[in-house]
Amino acid sequence: MAKKVTKKELESIKEANTELQKVVLLIGNIELEKQNLINKSRVEQQKLDKLKLELQEKYGDVIIDINTGEIKKEDG
């Protein structure tokens, strides 16, 4: 007959394993969310770059105050 761990030891092992699985799952979810945010930031950066080009074509090389909308000629 094979030896067995005690009930208490088995419960401890199961509990630790369950907690580890929860943590691993949370890490996976966080990584997935991180990738989603990275992708969203790329999309938003592309939108901003496109808008900058459109404004540059319309107004030339200027600086636009994003708080007021004021257009200033770029120094140089």
PDB file of N, CA and C in Angstrom:
ATOM      1  N   MET A   1       0.840  -1.174   0.000  1.00  0.00           N
ATOM      2  CA  MET A   1       0.000   0.000   0.000  1.00  0.00           C
ATOM      3  C   MET A   1       0.894   1.248   0.000  1.00  0.00           C
ATOM      4  N   ALA A   2       0.532   2.197  -0.851  1.00  0.00           N
ATOM      5  CA  ALA A   2       1.311   3.423  -0.997  1.00  0.00           C
ATOM      6  C   ALA A   2       1.084   4.348   0.191  1.00  0.00           C
ATOM      7  N   LYS A   3       2.150   5.068   0.521  1.00  0.00           N
ATOM      8  CA  LYS A   3       2.039   6.056   1.583  1.00  0.00           C
ATOM      9  C   LYS A   3       1.290   7.269   1.075  1.00  0.00           C
ATOM     10  N   LYS A   4       0.627   7.969   1.966  1.00  0.00           N
ATOM     11  CA  LYS A   4      -0.115   9.178   1.618  1.00  0.00           C
ATOM     12  C   LYS A   4       0.263  10.296   2.575  1.00  0.00           C
ATOM     13  N   VAL A   5       0.116  11.518   2.069  1.00  0.00           N
ATOM     14  CA  VAL A   5       0.295  12.667   2.951  1.00  0.00           C
ATOM     15  C   VAL A   5      -0.940  12.764   3.830  1.00  0.00           C
ATOM     16  N   THR A   6      -0.825  13.545   4.873  1.00  0.00           N
ATOM     17  CA  THR A   6      -1.979  13.700   5.754  1.00  0.00           C
ATOM     18  C   THR A   6      -3.043  14.548   5.053  1.00  0.00           C
ATOM     19  N   LYS A   7      -4.272  14.476   5.576  1.00  0.00           N
ATOM     20  CA  LYS A   7      -5.359  15.280   5.016  1.00  0.00           C
ATOM     21  C   LYS A   7      -5.003  16.762   5.067  1.00  0.00           C
ATOM     22  N   LYS A   8      -4.428  17.181   6.183  1.00  0.00           N
ATOM     23  CA  LYS A   8      -4.059  18.583   6.352  1.00  0.00           C
ATOM     24  C   LYS A   8      -3.007  18.991   5.320  1.00  0.00           C
ATOM     25  N   GLU A   9      -2.012  18.134   5.095  1.00  0.00           N
ATOM     26  CA  GLU A   9      -0.983  18.421   4.099  1.00  0.00           C
ATOM     27  C   GLU A   9      -1.585  18.486   2.699  1.00  0.00           C
ATOM     28  N   LEU A  10      -2.467  17.567   2.396  1.00  0.00           N
ATOM     29  CA  LEU A  10      -3.124  17.549   1.088  1.00  0.00           C
ATOM     30  C   LEU A  10      -3.952  18.813   0.884  1.00  0.00           C
ATOM     31  N   GLU A  11      -4.677  19.225   1.913  1.00  0.00           N
ATOM     32  CA  GLU A  11      -5.458  20.461   1.834  1.00  0.00           C
ATOM     33  C   GLU A  11      -4.540  21.661   1.597  1.00  0.00           C
ATOM     34  N   SER A  12      -3.399  21.695   2.279  1.00  0.00           N
ATOM     35  CA  SER A  12      -2.435  22.787   2.108  1.00  0.00           C
ATOM     36  C   SER A  12      -1.904  22.821   0.684  1.00  0.00           C
ATOM     37  N   ILE A  13      -1.576  21.655   0.148  1.00  0.00           N
ATOM     38  CA  ILE A  13      -1.078  21.564  -1.229  1.00  0.00           C
ATOM     39  C   ILE A  13      -2.138  22.054  -2.217  1.00  0.00           C
ATOM     40  N   LYS A  14      -3.382  21.589  -2.034  1.00  0.00           N
ATOM     41  CA  LYS A  14      -4.467  21.991  -2.930  1.00  0.00           C
ATOM     42  C   LYS A  14      -4.716  23.501  -2.850  1.00  0.00           C
ATOM     43  N   GLU A  15      -4.706  24.025  -1.626  1.00  0.00           N
ATOM     44  CA  GLU A  15      -4.933  25.456  -1.437  1.00  0.00           C
ATOM     45  C   GLU A  15      -3.841  26.280  -2.106  1.00  0.00           C
ATOM     46  N   ALA A  16      -2.582  25.892  -1.910  1.00  0.00           N
ATOM     47  CA  ALA A  16      -1.466  26.609  -2.521  1.00  0.00           C
ATOM     48  C   ALA A  16      -1.544  26.528  -4.040  1.00  0.00           C
ATOM     49  N   ASN A  17      -1.895  25.370  -4.562  1.00  0.00           N
ATOM     50  CA  ASN A  17      -2.016  25.179  -6.005  1.00  0.00           C
ATOM     51  C   ASN A  17      -3.147  26.046  -6.572  1.00  0.00           C
ATOM     52  N   THR A  18      -4.273  26.089  -5.872  1.00  0.00           N
ATOM     53  CA  THR A  18      -5.408  26.904  -6.308  1.00  0.00           C
ATOM     54  C   THR A  18      -5.029  28.381  -6.335  1.00  0.00           C
ATOM     55  N   GLU A  19      -4.351  28.834  -5.292  1.00  0.00           N
ATOM     56  CA  GLU A  19      -3.932  30.234  -5.229  1.00  0.00           C
ATOM     57  C   GLU A  19      -2.946  30.554  -6.350  1.00  0.00           C
ATOM     58  N   LEU A  20      -2.020  29.647  -6.621  1.00  0.00           N
ATOM     59  CA  LEU A  20      -1.067  29.843  -7.704  1.00  0.00           C
ATOM     60  C   LEU A  20      -1.796  29.945  -9.039  1.00  0.00           C
ATOM     61  N   GLN A  21      -2.766  29.078  -9.273  1.00  0.00           N
ATOM     62  CA  GLN A  21      -3.533  29.119 -10.529  1.00  0.00           C
ATOM     63  C   GLN A  21      -4.273  30.446 -10.667  1.00  0.00           C
ATOM     64  N   LYS A  22      -4.825  30.956  -9.564  1.00  0.00           N
ATOM     65  CA  LYS A  22      -5.515  32.253  -9.595  1.00  0.00           C
ATOM     66  C   LYS A  22      -4.556  33.365  -9.995  1.00  0.00           C
ATOM     67  N   VAL A  23      -3.364  33.338  -9.385  1.00  0.00           N
ATOM     68  CA  VAL A  23      -2.374  34.376  -9.668  1.00  0.00           C
ATOM     69  C   VAL A  23      -1.925  34.298 -11.130  1.00  0.00           C
ATOM     70  N   VAL A  24      -1.664  33.095 -11.613  1.00  0.00           N
ATOM     71  CA  VAL A  24      -1.251  32.915 -13.002  1.00  0.00           C
ATOM     72  C   VAL A  24      -2.347  33.418 -13.953  1.00  0.00           C
ATOM     73  N   LEU A  25      -3.592  33.136 -13.648  1.00  0.00           N
ATOM     74  CA  LEU A  25      -4.706  33.606 -14.460  1.00  0.00           C
ATOM     75  C   LEU A  25      -4.782  35.132 -14.446  1.00  0.00           C
ATOM     76  N   LEU A  26      -4.606  35.732 -13.275  1.00  0.00           N
ATOM     77  CA  LEU A  26      -4.609  37.196 -13.166  1.00  0.00           C
ATOM     78  C   LEU A  26      -3.480  37.817 -13.983  1.00  0.00           C
ATOM     79  N   ILE A  27      -2.310  37.208 -13.921  1.00  0.00           N
ATOM     80  CA  ILE A  27      -1.171  37.703 -14.703  1.00  0.00           C
ATOM     81  C   ILE A  27      -1.508  37.636 -16.192  1.00  0.00           C
ATOM     82  N   GLY A  28      -2.103  36.554 -16.618  1.00  0.00           N
ATOM     83  CA  GLY A  28      -2.509  36.420 -18.016  1.00  0.00           C
ATOM     84  C   GLY A  28      -3.504  37.496 -18.414  1.00  0.00           C
ATOM     85  N   ASN A  29      -4.474  37.760 -17.558  1.00  0.00           N
ATOM     86  CA  ASN A  29      -5.461  38.803 -17.841  1.00  0.00           C
ATOM     87  C   ASN A  29      -4.818  40.183 -17.904  1.00  0.00           C
ATOM     88  N   ILE A  30      -3.881  40.432 -17.008  1.00  0.00           N
ATOM     89  CA  ILE A  30      -3.179  41.715 -17.004  1.00  0.00           C
ATOM     90  C   ILE A  30      -2.362  41.872 -18.286  1.00  0.00           C
ATOM     91  N   GLU A  31      -1.688  40.821 -18.689  1.00  0.00           N
ATOM     92  CA  GLU A  31      -0.900  40.873 -19.926  1.00  0.00           C
ATOM     93  C   GLU A  31      -1.794  41.106 -21.140  1.00  0.00           C
ATOM     94  N   LEU A  32      -2.941  40.477 -21.166  1.00  0.00           N
ATOM     95  CA  LEU A  32      -3.885  40.676 -22.262  1.00  0.00           C
ATOM     96  C   LEU A  32      -4.349  42.131 -22.293  1.00  0.00           C
ATOM     97  N   GLU A  33      -4.692  42.665 -21.144  1.00  0.00           N
ATOM     98  CA  GLU A  33      -5.114  44.068 -21.054  1.00  0.00           C
ATOM     99  C   GLU A  33      -3.979  44.996 -21.472  1.00  0.00           C
ATOM    100  N   LYS A  34      -2.767  44.651 -21.070  1.00  0.00           N
ATOM    101  CA  LYS A  34      -1.597  45.448 -21.457  1.00  0.00           C
ATOM    102  C   LYS A  34      -1.465  45.488 -22.972  1.00  0.00           C
ATOM    103  N   GLN A  35      -1.590  44.340 -23.625  1.00  0.00           N
ATOM    104  CA  GLN A  35      -1.493  44.286 -25.087  1.00  0.00           C
ATOM    105  C   GLN A  35      -2.610  45.096 -25.744  1.00  0.00           C
ATOM    106  N   ASN A  36      -3.811  45.019 -25.185  1.00  0.00           N
ATOM    107  CA  ASN A  36      -4.928  45.809 -25.718  1.00  0.00           C
ATOM    108  C   ASN A  36      -4.630  47.305 -25.614  1.00  0.00           C
ATOM    109  N   LEU A  37      -4.067  47.727 -24.481  1.00  0.00           N
ATOM    110  CA  LEU A  37      -3.731  49.132 -24.295  1.00  0.00           C
ATOM    111  C   LEU A  37      -2.600  49.572 -25.218  1.00  0.00           C
ATOM    112  N   ILE A  38      -1.628  48.715 -25.420  1.00  0.00           N
ATOM    113  CA  ILE A  38      -0.535  49.026 -26.341  1.00  0.00           C
ATOM    114  C   ILE A  38      -1.090  49.216 -27.750  1.00  0.00           C
ATOM    115  N   ASN A  39      -1.975  48.314 -28.170  1.00  0.00           N
ATOM    116  CA  ASN A  39      -2.581  48.431 -29.493  1.00  0.00           C
ATOM    117  C   ASN A  39      -3.403  49.706 -29.613  1.00  0.00           C
ATOM    118  N   LYS A  40      -4.164  50.028 -28.571  1.00  0.00           N
ATOM    119  CA  LYS A  40      -4.965  51.255 -28.593  1.00  0.00           C
ATOM    120  C   LYS A  40      -4.067  52.481 -28.669  1.00  0.00           C
ATOM    121  N   SER A  41      -2.951  52.470 -27.949  1.00  0.00           N
ATOM    122  CA  SER A  41      -2.044  53.615 -27.995  1.00  0.00           C
ATOM    123  C   SER A  41      -1.465  53.786 -29.396  1.00  0.00           C
ATOM    124  N   ARG A  42      -1.194  52.693 -30.095  1.00  0.00           N
ATOM    125  CA  ARG A  42      -0.697  52.772 -31.477  1.00  0.00           C
ATOM    126  C   ARG A  42      -1.739  53.403 -32.389  1.00  0.00           C
ATOM    127  N   VAL A  43      -2.985  52.978 -32.236  1.00  0.00           N
ATOM    128  CA  VAL A  43      -4.075  53.530 -33.042  1.00  0.00           C
ATOM    129  C   VAL A  43      -4.216  55.028 -32.785  1.00  0.00           C
ATOM    130  N   GLU A  44      -4.203  55.414 -31.517  1.00  0.00           N
ATOM    131  CA  GLU A  44      -4.357  56.829 -31.175  1.00  0.00           C
ATOM    132  C   GLU A  44      -3.161  57.645 -31.665  1.00  0.00           C
ATOM    133  N   GLN A  45      -1.964  57.072 -31.615  1.00  0.00           N
ATOM    134  CA  GLN A  45      -0.775  57.771 -32.113  1.00  0.00           C
ATOM    135  C   GLN A  45      -0.898  57.977 -33.624  1.00  0.00           C
ATOM    136  N   GLN A  46      -1.407  56.964 -34.338  1.00  0.00           N
ATOM    137  CA  GLN A  46      -1.600  57.102 -35.782  1.00  0.00           C
ATOM    138  C   GLN A  46      -2.625  58.194 -36.098  1.00  0.00           C
ATOM    139  N   LYS A  47      -3.700  58.259 -35.307  1.00  0.00           N
ATOM    140  CA  LYS A  47      -4.700  59.316 -35.500  1.00  0.00           C
ATOM    141  C   LYS A  47      -4.068  60.689 -35.292  1.00  0.00           C
ATOM    142  N   LEU A  48      -3.279  60.827 -34.230  1.00  0.00           N
ATOM    143  CA  LEU A  48      -2.635  62.094 -33.928  1.00  0.00           C
ATOM    144  C   LEU A  48      -1.648  62.476 -35.025  1.00  0.00           C
ATOM    145  N   ASP A  49      -0.862  61.520 -35.490  1.00  0.00           N
ATOM    146  CA  ASP A  49       0.101  61.793 -36.557  1.00  0.00           C
ATOM    147  C   ASP A  49      -0.618  62.256 -37.828  1.00  0.00           C
ATOM    148  N   LYS A  50      -1.722  61.610 -38.173  1.00  0.00           N
ATOM    149  CA  LYS A  50      -2.496  61.982 -39.358  1.00  0.00           C
ATOM    150  C   LYS A  50      -3.051  63.398 -39.210  1.00  0.00           C
ATOM    151  N   LEU A  51      -3.590  63.692 -38.043  1.00  0.00           N
ATOM    152  CA  LEU A  51      -4.131  65.025 -37.792  1.00  0.00           C
ATOM    153  C   LEU A  51      -3.039  66.090 -37.863  1.00  0.00           C
ATOM    154  N   LYS A  52      -1.865  65.789 -37.314  1.00  0.00           N
ATOM    155  CA  LYS A  52      -0.748  66.725 -37.379  1.00  0.00           C
ATOM    156  C   LYS A  52      -0.377  67.030 -38.827  1.00  0.00           C
ATOM    157  N   LEU A  53      -0.338  66.001 -39.672  1.00  0.00           N
ATOM    158  CA  LEU A  53      -0.021  66.195 -41.080  1.00  0.00           C
ATOM    159  C   LEU A  53      -1.072  67.058 -41.768  1.00  0.00           C
ATOM    160  N   GLU A  54      -2.338  66.788 -41.467  1.00  0.00           N
ATOM    161  CA  GLU A  54      -3.421  67.575 -42.057  1.00  0.00           C
ATOM    162  C   GLU A  54      -3.310  69.039 -41.647  1.00  0.00           C
ATOM    163  N   LEU A  55      -3.030  69.286 -40.372  1.00  0.00           N
ATOM    164  CA  LEU A  55      -2.896  70.653 -39.897  1.00  0.00           C
ATOM    165  C   LEU A  55      -1.655  71.321 -40.468  1.00  0.00           C
ATOM    166  N   GLN A  56      -0.597  70.557 -40.642  1.00  0.00           N
ATOM    167  CA  GLN A  56       0.621  71.113 -41.223  1.00  0.00           C
ATOM    168  C   GLN A  56       0.376  71.524 -42.673  1.00  0.00           C
ATOM    169  N   GLU A  57      -0.385  70.704 -43.423  1.00  0.00           N
ATOM    170  CA  GLU A  57      -0.722  71.053 -44.801  1.00  0.00           C
ATOM    171  C   GLU A  57      -1.578  72.315 -44.842  1.00  0.00           C
ATOM    172  N   LYS A  58      -2.464  72.478 -43.885  1.00  0.00           N
ATOM    173  CA  LYS A  58      -3.371  73.628 -43.865  1.00  0.00           C
ATOM    174  C   LYS A  58      -2.685  74.894 -43.366  1.00  0.00           C
ATOM    175  N   TYR A  59      -1.879  74.784 -42.288  1.00  0.00           N
ATOM    176  CA  TYR A  59      -1.321  75.966 -41.634  1.00  0.00           C
ATOM    177  C   TYR A  59       0.187  76.126 -41.812  1.00  0.00           C
ATOM    178  N   GLY A  60       0.847  75.131 -42.336  1.00  0.00           N
ATOM    179  CA  GLY A  60       2.300  75.183 -42.467  1.00  0.00           C
ATOM    180  C   GLY A  60       2.976  74.755 -41.175  1.00  0.00           C
ATOM    181  N   ASP A  61       4.267  75.095 -41.087  1.00  0.00           N
ATOM    182  CA  ASP A  61       5.046  74.732 -39.905  1.00  0.00           C
ATOM    183  C   ASP A  61       4.741  75.712 -38.780  1.00  0.00           C
ATOM    184  N   VAL A  62       3.810  75.331 -37.942  1.00  0.00           N
ATOM    185  CA  VAL A  62       3.387  76.179 -36.834  1.00  0.00           C
ATOM    186  C   VAL A  62       3.322  75.357 -35.555  1.00  0.00           C
ATOM    187  N   ILE A  63       3.184  76.072 -34.466  1.00  0.00           N
ATOM    188  CA  ILE A  63       2.958  75.431 -33.174  1.00  0.00           C
ATOM    189  C   ILE A  63       1.538  75.769 -32.760  1.00  0.00           C
ATOM    190  N   ILE A  64       0.774  74.760 -32.403  1.00  0.00           N
ATOM    191  CA  ILE A  64      -0.608  74.963 -31.983  1.00  0.00           C
ATOM    192  C   ILE A  64      -0.697  74.694 -30.492  1.00  0.00           C
ATOM    193  N   ASP A  65      -1.175  75.688 -29.756  1.00  0.00           N
ATOM    194  CA  ASP A  65      -1.386  75.527 -28.324  1.00  0.00           C
ATOM    195  C   ASP A  65      -2.621  74.636 -28.138  1.00  0.00           C
ATOM    196  N   ILE A  66      -2.432  73.443 -27.587  1.00  0.00           N
ATOM    197  CA  ILE A  66      -3.563  72.509 -27.484  1.00  0.00           C
ATOM    198  C   ILE A  66      -4.582  72.914 -26.424  1.00  0.00           C
ATOM    199  N   ASN A  67      -4.225  73.894 -25.596  1.00  0.00           N
ATOM    200  CA  ASN A  67      -5.187  74.380 -24.607  1.00  0.00           C
ATOM    201  C   ASN A  67      -6.090  75.468 -25.164  1.00  0.00           C
ATOM    202  N   THR A  68      -5.510  76.322 -26.038  1.00  0.00           N
ATOM    203  CA  THR A  68      -6.276  77.469 -26.532  1.00  0.00           C
ATOM    204  C   THR A  68      -6.597  77.392 -28.017  1.00  0.00           C
ATOM    205  N   GLY A  69      -5.837  76.578 -28.757  1.00  0.00           N
ATOM    206  CA  GLY A  69      -6.009  76.526 -30.210  1.00  0.00           C
ATOM    207  C   GLY A  69      -5.230  77.602 -30.933  1.00  0.00           C
ATOM    208  N   GLU A  70      -4.520  78.424 -30.198  1.00  0.00           N
ATOM    209  CA  GLU A  70      -3.749  79.523 -30.798  1.00  0.00           C
ATOM    210  C   GLU A  70      -2.630  78.971 -31.663  1.00  0.00           C
ATOM    211  N   ILE A  71      -2.464  79.588 -32.820  1.00  0.00           N
ATOM    212  CA  ILE A  71      -1.427  79.173 -33.767  1.00  0.00           C
ATOM    213  C   ILE A  71      -0.290  80.167 -33.698  1.00  0.00           C
ATOM    214  N   LYS A  72       0.923  79.651 -33.549  1.00  0.00           N
ATOM    215  CA  LYS A  72       2.117  80.494 -33.519  1.00  0.00           C
ATOM    216  C   LYS A  72       3.077  79.996 -34.572  1.00  0.00           C
ATOM    217  N   LYS A  73       3.785  80.915 -35.213  1.00  0.00           N
ATOM    218  CA  LYS A  73       4.819  80.523 -36.173  1.00  0.00           C
ATOM    219  C   LYS A  73       5.953  79.842 -35.432  1.00  0.00           C
ATOM    220  N   GLU A  74       6.456  78.798 -36.034  1.00  0.00           N
ATOM    221  CA  GLU A  74       7.560  78.067 -35.422  1.00  0.00           C
ATOM    222  C   GLU A  74       8.836  78.887 -35.555  1.00  0.00           C
ATOM    223  N   ASP A  75       9.588  79.013 -34.479  1.00  0.00           N
ATOM    224  CA  ASP A  75      10.849  79.757 -34.522  1.00  0.00           C
ATOM    225  C   ASP A  75      11.878  78.987 -35.328  1.00  0.00           C
ATOM    226  N   GLY A  76      12.637  79.698 -36.107  1.00  0.00           N
ATOM    227  CA  GLY A  76      13.703  79.049 -36.860  1.00  0.00           C
ATOM    228  C   GLY A  76      13.399  79.156 -38.272  1.00  0.00           C
TER     229      GLY A  76
END
